[in-house]
Amino acid sequence: MADGYADSETAEEGTGGGLLMRDTLVRRAGELLAAGFLLLVGGMVTWIVSTQVDFGLLEAVFPRFVEAFFLVVQIVVVASLLSVTLGVLVGLGRISTSPLTSRIAKGYVEFFRGTPLLFQLFVIFFGIPRLWPTGAFPFENWAVPAAIIGLTLNHGAYVGEAIRGGIAAVADGQMEAARSLGMSRVMALREVVLPQAWRNALAAIGNDQIILVKDTSLLTVIAVPEIMSVFRNINSNQLDPWTPLVWVCLFYLAITMSMSQLVNALESRADWSGDGGRLGRASAAVRERLSRGETR
């Protein structure tokens, strides 16, 4: 019996050692593949920059890209704020107990997620001015407002679904517990459910806002002088795609990486753990209000 147990233990040790060796081999293979990919991409970038990029032209076109960059940043900031605000309202509409509100919010989401952003931009930029009599349209430069409206409406639908999913991920007991303490449904949503839903949805909202930045490249089709418009003009005049593409890459990365850092900071700020976290502070605020009898 003892011999059988010893043999079994030895077999288990041998199996564990084999599995450990297999894991090590897989890890080493992954490292080799990653290193090979890095060397390949690094080599290609080095070759392109050294042979295809005109550094004189790179310096000459820099001011044009800076101007386009700041325009894109302004559009992104305004459209992001508006789309997140709209998305919160849409998300609340999706979970509304009113069938009318819920169906309207669902129809909005289905339309703007089911049609291309380019189509929506065409409708807003070309279609809306046609609804006014000739010469009566109130905007002389409609391109930038149309871009902001199009991006806001499109990404508001995605943010709304992220908020709805974040609310759905909050346990039903949270609302029931809040209501049992005498809180109204609105107060329970505001003080208990939405802070947790925001934390649940923050990563998805951040990803959507980064996509919004990249979607600004479509604005070239409605005559917005953004980064890709500058690239197209320079490439058409100089027949040199690689030189302006350097600035296109760097400026887009500057915006998206900054936004990624902002999302990471917001996720850290929304940490639930401890009384110093946002949930702890919100719970303390709720308890204080309830102690004063404020249930509305």
C-alpha atoms as a PDB file:
ATOM      1  CA  MET A   1       0.000   0.000   0.000  1.00  0.00           C
ATOM      2  CA  ALA A   2       2.809   2.347   0.933  1.00  0.00           C
ATOM      3  CA  ASP A   3       4.663   1.414  -2.251  1.00  0.00           C
ATOM      4  CA  GLY A   4       1.573   2.169  -4.316  1.00  0.00           C
ATOM      5  CA  TYR A   5       1.174   5.563  -2.678  1.00  0.00           C
ATOM      6  CA  ALA A   6       4.828   6.379  -3.287  1.00  0.00           C
ATOM      7  CA  ASP A   7       4.549   5.376  -6.940  1.00  0.00           C
ATOM      8  CA  SER A   8       1.456   7.570  -7.320  1.00  0.00           C
ATOM      9  CA  GLU A   9       3.200  10.559  -5.719  1.00  0.00           C
ATOM     10  CA  THR A  10       6.223  10.096  -7.985  1.00  0.00           C
ATOM     11  CA  ALA A  11       3.955   9.962 -11.036  1.00  0.00           C
ATOM     12  CA  GLU A  12       2.221  13.174  -9.978  1.00  0.00           C
ATOM     13  CA  GLU A  13       5.582  14.901  -9.527  1.00  0.00           C
ATOM     14  CA  GLY A  14       6.650  13.706 -12.951  1.00  0.00           C
ATOM     15  CA  THR A  15       3.438  14.933 -14.535  1.00  0.00           C
ATOM     16  CA  GLY A  16       3.793  18.323 -12.800  1.00  0.00           C
ATOM     17  CA  GLY A  17       7.347  18.649 -14.031  1.00  0.00           C
ATOM     18  CA  GLY A  18       6.247  17.822 -17.571  1.00  0.00           C
ATOM     19  CA  LEU A  19       3.488  20.392 -17.462  1.00  0.00           C
ATOM     20  CA  LEU A  20       5.881  23.006 -16.090  1.00  0.00           C
ATOM     21  CA  MET A  21       8.333  22.288 -18.894  1.00  0.00           C
ATOM     22  CA  ARG A  22       5.528  22.538 -21.465  1.00  0.00           C
ATOM     23  CA  ASP A  23       4.425  25.891 -20.031  1.00  0.00           C
ATOM     24  CA  THR A  24       8.008  27.140 -20.199  1.00  0.00           C
ATOM     25  CA  LEU A  25       8.337  26.071 -23.834  1.00  0.00           C
ATOM     26  CA  VAL A  26       5.086  27.815 -24.780  1.00  0.00           C
ATOM     27  CA  ARG A  27       6.216  30.973 -23.005  1.00  0.00           C
ATOM     28  CA  ARG A  28       9.596  30.929 -24.752  1.00  0.00           C
ATOM     29  CA  ALA A  29       7.889  30.403 -28.121  1.00  0.00           C
ATOM     30  CA  GLY A  30       5.617  33.362 -27.422  1.00  0.00           C
ATOM     31  CA  GLU A  31       8.590  35.523 -26.510  1.00  0.00           C
ATOM     32  CA  LEU A  32      10.394  34.537 -29.711  1.00  0.00           C
ATOM     33  CA  LEU A  33       7.333  35.345 -31.823  1.00  0.00           C
ATOM     34  CA  ALA A  34       6.883  38.710 -30.091  1.00  0.00           C
ATOM     35  CA  ALA A  35      10.563  39.565 -30.499  1.00  0.00           C
ATOM     36  CA  GLY A  36      10.474  38.547 -34.170  1.00  0.00           C
ATOM     37  CA  PHE A  37       7.399  40.681 -34.786  1.00  0.00           C
ATOM     38  CA  LEU A  38       9.035  43.649 -33.040  1.00  0.00           C
ATOM     39  CA  LEU A  39      12.206  43.286 -35.105  1.00  0.00           C
ATOM     40  CA  LEU A  40      10.194  43.000 -38.334  1.00  0.00           C
ATOM     41  CA  VAL A  41       8.093  46.085 -37.633  1.00  0.00           C
ATOM     42  CA  GLY A  42      11.086  48.046 -36.333  1.00  0.00           C
ATOM     43  CA  GLY A  43      13.106  47.152 -39.405  1.00  0.00           C
ATOM     44  CA  MET A  44      10.317  48.165 -41.773  1.00  0.00           C
ATOM     45  CA  VAL A  45       9.778  51.492 -39.994  1.00  0.00           C
ATOM     46  CA  THR A  46      13.507  52.223 -39.993  1.00  0.00           C
ATOM     47  CA  TRP A  47      13.789  51.428 -43.703  1.00  0.00           C
ATOM     48  CA  ILE A  48      10.755  53.552 -44.615  1.00  0.00           C
ATOM     49  CA  VAL A  49      11.896  56.548 -42.552  1.00  0.00           C
ATOM     50  CA  SER A  50      15.453  56.384 -43.911  1.00  0.00           C
ATOM     51  CA  THR A  51      14.551  55.891 -47.582  1.00  0.00           C
ATOM     52  CA  GLN A  52      11.037  57.216 -48.179  1.00  0.00           C
ATOM     53  CA  VAL A  53      10.648  60.281 -45.931  1.00  0.00           C
ATOM     54  CA  ASP A  54      11.672  63.735 -47.163  1.00  0.00           C
ATOM     55  CA  PHE A  55      12.785  65.502 -43.987  1.00  0.00           C
ATOM     56  CA  GLY A  56      12.724  68.905 -45.656  1.00  0.00           C
ATOM     57  CA  LEU A  57       9.075  68.423 -46.619  1.00  0.00           C
ATOM     58  CA  LEU A  58       8.398  66.954 -43.176  1.00  0.00           C
ATOM     59  CA  GLU A  59       9.477  70.214 -41.564  1.00  0.00           C
ATOM     60  CA  ALA A  60       7.685  72.378 -44.139  1.00  0.00           C
ATOM     61  CA  VAL A  61       4.256  70.762 -43.658  1.00  0.00           C
ATOM     62  CA  PHE A  62       4.443  70.631 -39.871  1.00  0.00           C
ATOM     63  CA  PRO A  63       2.508  73.904 -39.266  1.00  0.00           C
ATOM     64  CA  ARG A  64      -0.385  72.688 -41.428  1.00  0.00           C
ATOM     65  CA  PHE A  65      -0.662  69.508 -39.422  1.00  0.00           C
ATOM     66  CA  VAL A  66      -0.481  71.434 -36.140  1.00  0.00           C
ATOM     67  CA  GLU A  67      -3.440  73.568 -37.210  1.00  0.00           C
ATOM     68  CA  ALA A  68      -5.428  70.476 -38.208  1.00  0.00           C
ATOM     69  CA  PHE A  69      -4.432  68.743 -34.955  1.00  0.00           C
ATOM     70  CA  PHE A  70      -5.865  71.514 -32.777  1.00  0.00           C
ATOM     71  CA  LEU A  71      -9.069  71.535 -34.815  1.00  0.00           C
ATOM     72  CA  VAL A  72      -9.434  67.773 -34.280  1.00  0.00           C
ATOM     73  CA  VAL A  73      -8.779  68.181 -30.550  1.00  0.00           C
ATOM     74  CA  GLN A  74     -11.532  70.814 -30.298  1.00  0.00           C
ATOM     75  CA  ILE A  75     -13.983  68.598 -32.182  1.00  0.00           C
ATOM     76  CA  VAL A  76     -13.082  65.569 -30.065  1.00  0.00           C
ATOM     77  CA  VAL A  77     -13.445  67.420 -26.751  1.00  0.00           C
ATOM     78  CA  VAL A  78     -16.866  68.858 -27.609  1.00  0.00           C
ATOM     79  CA  ALA A  79     -18.185  65.671 -29.236  1.00  0.00           C
ATOM     80  CA  SER A  80     -16.886  63.500 -26.372  1.00  0.00           C
ATOM     81  CA  LEU A  81     -18.569  65.592 -23.691  1.00  0.00           C
ATOM     82  CA  LEU A  82     -21.829  65.723 -25.623  1.00  0.00           C
ATOM     83  CA  SER A  83     -21.826  62.036 -26.584  1.00  0.00           C
ATOM     84  CA  VAL A  84     -21.158  60.869 -23.019  1.00  0.00           C
ATOM     85  CA  THR A  85     -23.906  63.155 -21.679  1.00  0.00           C
ATOM     86  CA  LEU A  86     -26.311  61.948 -24.362  1.00  0.00           C
ATOM     87  CA  GLY A  87     -25.251  58.345 -23.760  1.00  0.00           C
ATOM     88  CA  VAL A  88     -26.107  58.548 -20.064  1.00  0.00           C
ATOM     89  CA  LEU A  89     -29.589  59.822 -20.949  1.00  0.00           C
ATOM     90  CA  VAL A  90     -30.009  57.115 -23.586  1.00  0.00           C
ATOM     91  CA  GLY A  91     -28.837  54.418 -21.163  1.00  0.00           C
ATOM     92  CA  LEU A  92     -31.355  55.586 -18.577  1.00  0.00           C
ATOM     93  CA  GLY A  93     -34.020  55.650 -21.267  1.00  0.00           C
ATOM     94  CA  ARG A  94     -33.206  52.050 -22.188  1.00  0.00           C
ATOM     95  CA  ILE A  95     -33.941  50.871 -18.642  1.00  0.00           C
ATOM     96  CA  SER A  96     -36.933  53.157 -18.136  1.00  0.00           C
ATOM     97  CA  THR A  97     -40.101  51.604 -16.773  1.00  0.00           C
ATOM     98  CA  SER A  98     -42.025  53.627 -19.372  1.00  0.00           C
ATOM     99  CA  PRO A  99     -42.529  51.488 -22.520  1.00  0.00           C
ATOM    100  CA  LEU A 100     -42.629  54.631 -24.705  1.00  0.00           C
ATOM    101  CA  THR A 101     -39.333  55.988 -23.398  1.00  0.00           C
ATOM    102  CA  SER A 102     -37.662  52.586 -23.558  1.00  0.00           C
ATOM    103  CA  ARG A 103     -38.780  51.939 -27.153  1.00  0.00           C
ATOM    104  CA  ILE A 104     -37.736  55.384 -28.371  1.00  0.00           C
ATOM    105  CA  ALA A 105     -34.298  54.944 -26.784  1.00  0.00           C
ATOM    106  CA  LYS A 106     -33.988  51.471 -28.327  1.00  0.00           C
ATOM    107  CA  GLY A 107     -34.997  52.793 -31.756  1.00  0.00           C
ATOM    108  CA  TYR A 108     -32.400  55.551 -31.484  1.00  0.00           C
ATOM    109  CA  VAL A 109     -29.682  53.054 -30.590  1.00  0.00           C
ATOM    110  CA  GLU A 110     -30.669  50.626 -33.357  1.00  0.00           C
ATOM    111  CA  PHE A 111     -30.662  53.363 -36.013  1.00  0.00           C
ATOM    112  CA  PHE A 112     -27.341  54.990 -35.133  1.00  0.00           C
ATOM    113  CA  ARG A 113     -25.559  51.693 -34.527  1.00  0.00           C
ATOM    114  CA  GLY A 114     -27.134  50.091 -37.595  1.00  0.00           C
ATOM    115  CA  THR A 115     -26.199  52.749 -40.168  1.00  0.00           C
ATOM    116  CA  PRO A 116     -22.657  53.838 -41.092  1.00  0.00           C
ATOM    117  CA  LEU A 117     -21.268  57.027 -39.598  1.00  0.00           C
ATOM    118  CA  LEU A 118     -20.451  58.181 -43.123  1.00  0.00           C
ATOM    119  CA  PHE A 119     -24.132  57.944 -44.078  1.00  0.00           C
ATOM    120  CA  GLN A 120     -25.100  59.913 -40.981  1.00  0.00           C
ATOM    121  CA  LEU A 121     -22.550  62.625 -41.792  1.00  0.00           C
ATOM    122  CA  PHE A 122     -23.921  62.889 -45.347  1.00  0.00           C
ATOM    123  CA  VAL A 123     -27.482  63.221 -44.045  1.00  0.00           C
ATOM    124  CA  ILE A 124     -26.491  65.979 -41.623  1.00  0.00           C
ATOM    125  CA  PHE A 125     -24.067  67.865 -43.870  1.00  0.00           C
ATOM    126  CA  PHE A 126     -25.860  67.631 -47.206  1.00  0.00           C
ATOM    127  CA  GLY A 127     -29.448  66.859 -46.209  1.00  0.00           C
ATOM    128  CA  ILE A 128     -30.249  69.263 -43.392  1.00  0.00           C
ATOM    129  CA  PRO A 129     -29.347  72.484 -45.284  1.00  0.00           C
ATOM    130  CA  ARG A 130     -31.776  71.419 -48.020  1.00  0.00           C
ATOM    131  CA  LEU A 131     -34.653  71.655 -45.528  1.00  0.00           C
ATOM    132  CA  TRP A 132     -34.261  75.449 -45.509  1.00  0.00           C
ATOM    133  CA  PRO A 133     -35.183  77.761 -48.378  1.00  0.00           C
ATOM    134  CA  THR A 134     -32.259  78.754 -50.591  1.00  0.00           C
ATOM    135  CA  GLY A 135     -29.999  81.173 -48.785  1.00  0.00           C
ATOM    136  CA  ALA A 136     -31.898  80.912 -45.478  1.00  0.00           C
ATOM    137  CA  PHE A 137     -29.703  78.292 -43.773  1.00  0.00           C
ATOM    138  CA  PRO A 138     -28.317  79.955 -40.613  1.00  0.00           C
ATOM    139  CA  PHE A 139     -24.788  78.483 -40.776  1.00  0.00           C
ATOM    140  CA  GLU A 140     -22.191  79.781 -43.227  1.00  0.00           C
ATOM    141  CA  ASN A 141     -19.606  77.168 -42.239  1.00  0.00           C
ATOM    142  CA  TRP A 142     -21.688  74.071 -41.573  1.00  0.00           C
ATOM    143  CA  ALA A 143     -18.870  71.502 -41.778  1.00  0.00           C
ATOM    144  CA  VAL A 144     -17.587  71.660 -38.194  1.00  0.00           C
ATOM    145  CA  PRO A 145     -21.043  71.843 -36.519  1.00  0.00           C
ATOM    146  CA  ALA A 146     -22.196  68.956 -38.745  1.00  0.00           C
ATOM    147  CA  ALA A 147     -19.132  66.947 -37.713  1.00  0.00           C
ATOM    148  CA  ILE A 148     -19.791  67.511 -34.007  1.00  0.00           C
ATOM    149  CA  ILE A 149     -23.492  66.662 -34.355  1.00  0.00           C
ATOM    150  CA  GLY A 150     -22.753  63.513 -36.364  1.00  0.00           C
ATOM    151  CA  LEU A 151     -20.091  62.228 -33.961  1.00  0.00           C
ATOM    152  CA  THR A 152     -22.258  63.053 -30.940  1.00  0.00           C
ATOM    153  CA  LEU A 153     -25.342  61.258 -32.237  1.00  0.00           C
ATOM    154  CA  ASN A 154     -23.388  58.228 -33.418  1.00  0.00           C
ATOM    155  CA  HIS A 155     -21.276  57.693 -30.327  1.00  0.00           C
ATOM    156  CA  GLY A 156     -24.098  58.653 -27.969  1.00  0.00           C
ATOM    157  CA  ALA A 157     -25.773  55.416 -29.057  1.00  0.00           C
ATOM    158  CA  TYR A 158     -22.695  53.338 -28.190  1.00  0.00           C
ATOM    159  CA  VAL A 159     -22.190  55.088 -24.865  1.00  0.00           C
ATOM    160  CA  GLY A 160     -25.880  54.532 -24.101  1.00  0.00           C
ATOM    161  CA  GLU A 161     -25.496  50.793 -24.595  1.00  0.00           C
ATOM    162  CA  ALA A 162     -22.371  50.806 -22.423  1.00  0.00           C
ATOM    163  CA  ILE A 163     -24.304  52.575 -19.652  1.00  0.00           C
ATOM    164  CA  ARG A 164     -27.215  50.129 -20.017  1.00  0.00           C
ATOM    165  CA  GLY A 165     -24.806  47.218 -19.729  1.00  0.00           C
ATOM    166  CA  GLY A 166     -23.139  48.812 -16.716  1.00  0.00           C
ATOM    167  CA  ILE A 167     -26.497  49.212 -14.984  1.00  0.00           C
ATOM    168  CA  ALA A 168     -27.449  45.626 -15.844  1.00  0.00           C
ATOM    169  CA  ALA A 169     -24.212  44.434 -14.208  1.00  0.00           C
ATOM    170  CA  VAL A 170     -25.201  46.005 -10.885  1.00  0.00           C
ATOM    171  CA  ALA A 171     -26.883  43.423  -8.648  1.00  0.00           C
ATOM    172  CA  ASP A 172     -30.657  43.792  -8.322  1.00  0.00           C
ATOM    173  CA  GLY A 173     -30.251  43.741  -4.564  1.00  0.00           C
ATOM    174  CA  GLN A 174     -28.598  47.166  -4.700  1.00  0.00           C
ATOM    175  CA  MET A 175     -31.793  48.840  -5.893  1.00  0.00           C
ATOM    176  CA  GLU A 176     -33.961  46.764  -3.557  1.00  0.00           C
ATOM    177  CA  ALA A 177     -31.799  47.629  -0.561  1.00  0.00           C
ATOM    178  CA  ALA A 178     -31.860  51.325  -1.426  1.00  0.00           C
ATOM    179  CA  ARG A 179     -35.638  51.300  -1.828  1.00  0.00           C
ATOM    180  CA  SER A 180     -36.046  49.426   1.472  1.00  0.00           C
ATOM    181  CA  LEU A 181     -34.193  52.285   3.174  1.00  0.00           C
ATOM    182  CA  GLY A 182     -36.846  54.706   1.973  1.00  0.00           C
ATOM    183  CA  MET A 183     -35.048  56.080  -1.094  1.00  0.00           C
ATOM    184  CA  SER A 184     -37.013  56.947  -4.211  1.00  0.00           C
ATOM    185  CA  ARG A 185     -36.171  55.182  -7.462  1.00  0.00           C
ATOM    186  CA  VAL A 186     -34.526  58.335  -8.812  1.00  0.00           C
ATOM    187  CA  MET A 187     -32.392  58.816  -5.716  1.00  0.00           C
ATOM    188  CA  ALA A 188     -31.434  55.131  -5.653  1.00  0.00           C
ATOM    189  CA  LEU A 189     -30.329  55.348  -9.279  1.00  0.00           C
ATOM    190  CA  ARG A 190     -28.368  58.535  -8.675  1.00  0.00           C
ATOM    191  CA  GLU A 191     -26.688  57.614  -5.404  1.00  0.00           C
ATOM    192  CA  VAL A 192     -26.305  53.831  -5.557  1.00  0.00           C
ATOM    193  CA  VAL A 193     -26.754  52.320  -9.019  1.00  0.00           C
ATOM    194  CA  LEU A 194     -25.250  54.894 -11.384  1.00  0.00           C
ATOM    195  CA  PRO A 195     -21.881  55.249  -9.585  1.00  0.00           C
ATOM    196  CA  GLN A 196     -21.411  51.477  -9.842  1.00  0.00           C
ATOM    197  CA  ALA A 197     -22.733  51.368 -13.414  1.00  0.00           C
ATOM    198  CA  TRP A 198     -20.317  54.133 -14.405  1.00  0.00           C
ATOM    199  CA  ARG A 199     -17.404  52.126 -13.052  1.00  0.00           C
ATOM    200  CA  ASN A 200     -18.599  49.016 -14.890  1.00  0.00           C
ATOM    201  CA  ALA A 201     -18.997  50.896 -18.173  1.00  0.00           C
ATOM    202  CA  LEU A 202     -15.927  53.119 -17.971  1.00  0.00           C
ATOM    203  CA  ALA A 203     -13.613  50.866 -19.992  1.00  0.00           C
ATOM    204  CA  ALA A 204     -16.182  50.470 -22.785  1.00  0.00           C
ATOM    205  CA  ILE A 205     -16.881  54.221 -22.819  1.00  0.00           C
ATOM    206  CA  GLY A 206     -13.149  54.960 -22.958  1.00  0.00           C
ATOM    207  CA  ASN A 207     -12.680  52.588 -25.895  1.00  0.00           C
ATOM    208  CA  ASP A 208     -15.593  54.218 -27.703  1.00  0.00           C
ATOM    209  CA  GLN A 209     -14.131  57.682 -27.223  1.00  0.00           C
ATOM    210  CA  ILE A 210     -10.824  56.515 -28.684  1.00  0.00           C
ATOM    211  CA  ILE A 211     -12.772  55.207 -31.675  1.00  0.00           C
ATOM    212  CA  LEU A 212     -14.402  58.649 -31.886  1.00  0.00           C
ATOM    213  CA  VAL A 213     -10.929  60.163 -32.308  1.00  0.00           C
ATOM    214  CA  LYS A 214     -10.194  57.832 -35.219  1.00  0.00           C
ATOM    215  CA  ASP A 215     -13.627  58.478 -36.714  1.00  0.00           C
ATOM    216  CA  THR A 216     -12.623  62.110 -37.202  1.00  0.00           C
ATOM    217  CA  SER A 217     -10.651  60.855 -40.221  1.00  0.00           C
ATOM    218  CA  LEU A 218     -14.030  60.486 -41.991  1.00  0.00           C
ATOM    219  CA  LEU A 219     -14.661  64.211 -41.665  1.00  0.00           C
ATOM    220  CA  THR A 220     -12.513  64.826 -44.717  1.00  0.00           C
ATOM    221  CA  VAL A 221     -15.516  63.851 -46.880  1.00  0.00           C
ATOM    222  CA  ILE A 222     -17.547  66.804 -45.565  1.00  0.00           C
ATOM    223  CA  ALA A 223     -14.749  69.346 -46.108  1.00  0.00           C
ATOM    224  CA  VAL A 224     -13.521  69.593 -42.514  1.00  0.00           C
ATOM    225  CA  PRO A 225      -9.807  70.580 -42.704  1.00  0.00           C
ATOM    226  CA  GLU A 226      -8.688  67.851 -40.290  1.00  0.00           C
ATOM    227  CA  ILE A 227      -5.545  65.716 -40.279  1.00  0.00           C
ATOM    228  CA  MET A 228      -6.461  63.367 -43.134  1.00  0.00           C
ATOM    229  CA  SER A 229      -7.540  66.314 -45.301  1.00  0.00           C
ATOM    230  CA  VAL A 230      -4.079  67.819 -44.897  1.00  0.00           C
ATOM    231  CA  PHE A 231      -2.530  64.483 -45.823  1.00  0.00           C
ATOM    232  CA  ARG A 232      -4.660  64.184 -48.962  1.00  0.00           C
ATOM    233  CA  ASN A 233      -3.766  67.697 -50.108  1.00  0.00           C
ATOM    234  CA  ILE A 234      -0.022  67.209 -49.562  1.00  0.00           C
ATOM    235  CA  ASN A 235      -0.017  63.795 -51.214  1.00  0.00           C
ATOM    236  CA  SER A 236      -1.911  65.170 -54.218  1.00  0.00           C
ATOM    237  CA  ASN A 237       0.538  68.051 -54.641  1.00  0.00           C
ATOM    238  CA  GLN A 238       3.808  66.287 -53.834  1.00  0.00           C
ATOM    239  CA  LEU A 239       3.004  62.679 -54.804  1.00  0.00           C
ATOM    240  CA  ASP A 240       4.723  61.682 -51.580  1.00  0.00           C
ATOM    241  CA  PRO A 241       2.515  59.635 -49.218  1.00  0.00           C
ATOM    242  CA  TRP A 242       5.093  58.556 -46.640  1.00  0.00           C
ATOM    243  CA  THR A 243       6.267  61.976 -45.501  1.00  0.00           C
ATOM    244  CA  PRO A 244       2.851  63.346 -44.446  1.00  0.00           C
ATOM    245  CA  LEU A 245       1.849  59.927 -43.077  1.00  0.00           C
ATOM    246  CA  VAL A 246       4.535  60.344 -40.422  1.00  0.00           C
ATOM    247  CA  TRP A 247       2.697  63.351 -38.993  1.00  0.00           C
ATOM    248  CA  VAL A 248      -0.687  61.642 -39.388  1.00  0.00           C
ATOM    249  CA  CYS A 249       0.526  58.736 -37.267  1.00  0.00           C
ATOM    250  CA  LEU A 250       2.196  60.864 -34.598  1.00  0.00           C
ATOM    251  CA  PHE A 251      -0.677  63.310 -34.152  1.00  0.00           C
ATOM    252  CA  TYR A 252      -3.352  60.612 -33.937  1.00  0.00           C
ATOM    253  CA  LEU A 253      -1.238  58.677 -31.433  1.00  0.00           C
ATOM    254  CA  ALA A 254      -0.797  61.850 -29.381  1.00  0.00           C
ATOM    255  CA  ILE A 255      -4.582  62.173 -29.016  1.00  0.00           C
ATOM    256  CA  THR A 256      -5.438  58.500 -28.476  1.00  0.00           C
ATOM    257  CA  MET A 257      -2.615  57.829 -26.004  1.00  0.00           C
ATOM    258  CA  SER A 258      -3.558  60.924 -23.999  1.00  0.00           C
ATOM    259  CA  MET A 259      -7.161  59.743 -23.913  1.00  0.00           C
ATOM    260  CA  SER A 260      -6.041  56.279 -22.788  1.00  0.00           C
ATOM    261  CA  GLN A 261      -4.135  57.861 -19.898  1.00  0.00           C
ATOM    262  CA  LEU A 262      -7.218  59.884 -18.974  1.00  0.00           C
ATOM    263  CA  VAL A 263      -9.386  56.739 -18.939  1.00  0.00           C
ATOM    264  CA  ASN A 264      -6.822  54.935 -16.760  1.00  0.00           C
ATOM    265  CA  ALA A 265      -6.820  57.866 -14.335  1.00  0.00           C
ATOM    266  CA  LEU A 266     -10.623  57.831 -14.181  1.00  0.00           C
ATOM    267  CA  GLU A 267     -10.622  54.082 -13.526  1.00  0.00           C
ATOM    268  CA  SER A 268      -8.165  54.568 -10.656  1.00  0.00           C
ATOM    269  CA  ARG A 269     -10.263  57.415  -9.272  1.00  0.00           C
ATOM    270  CA  ALA A 270     -13.379  55.244  -9.403  1.00  0.00           C
ATOM    271  CA  ASP A 271     -11.818  52.541  -7.195  1.00  0.00           C
ATOM    272  CA  TRP A 272     -14.516  51.062  -4.975  1.00  0.00           C
ATOM    273  CA  SER A 273     -12.294  49.672  -2.251  1.00  0.00           C
ATOM    274  CA  GLY A 274     -12.196  51.308   1.156  1.00  0.00           C
ATOM    275  CA  ASP A 275     -14.024  54.270   2.605  1.00  0.00           C
ATOM    276  CA  GLY A 276     -11.693  56.538   0.640  1.00  0.00           C
ATOM    277  CA  GLY A 277     -12.981  55.088  -2.631  1.00  0.00           C
ATOM    278  CA  ARG A 278     -15.823  56.655  -4.503  1.00  0.00           C
ATOM    279  CA  LEU A 279     -18.330  53.995  -3.454  1.00  0.00           C
ATOM    280  CA  GLY A 280     -17.376  54.440   0.175  1.00  0.00           C
ATOM    281  CA  ARG A 281     -17.851  58.207  -0.069  1.00  0.00           C
ATOM    282  CA  ALA A 282     -21.165  57.754  -1.902  1.00  0.00           C
ATOM    283  CA  SER A 283     -22.389  55.295   0.734  1.00  0.00           C
ATOM    284  CA  ALA A 284     -21.438  57.708   3.509  1.00  0.00           C
ATOM    285  CA  ALA A 285     -23.286  60.509   1.735  1.00  0.00           C
ATOM    286  CA  VAL A 286     -26.378  58.323   1.356  1.00  0.00           C
ATOM    287  CA  ARG A 287     -26.295  57.359   5.027  1.00  0.00           C
ATOM    288  CA  GLU A 288     -25.991  61.016   6.012  1.00  0.00           C
ATOM    289  CA  ARG A 289     -28.967  61.984   3.855  1.00  0.00           C
ATOM    290  CA  LEU A 290     -31.063  59.154   5.234  1.00  0.00           C
ATOM    291  CA  SER A 291     -30.190  60.168   8.783  1.00  0.00           C
ATOM    292  CA  ARG A 292     -31.585  63.631   7.985  1.00  0.00           C
ATOM    293  CA  GLY A 293     -34.708  62.095   6.491  1.00  0.00           C
ATOM    294  CA  GLU A 294     -33.941  63.160   2.888  1.00  0.00           C
ATOM    295  CA  THR A 295     -35.487  60.338   0.859  1.00  0.00           C
ATOM    296  CA  ARG A 296     -36.239  62.332  -2.290  1.00  0.00           C
END
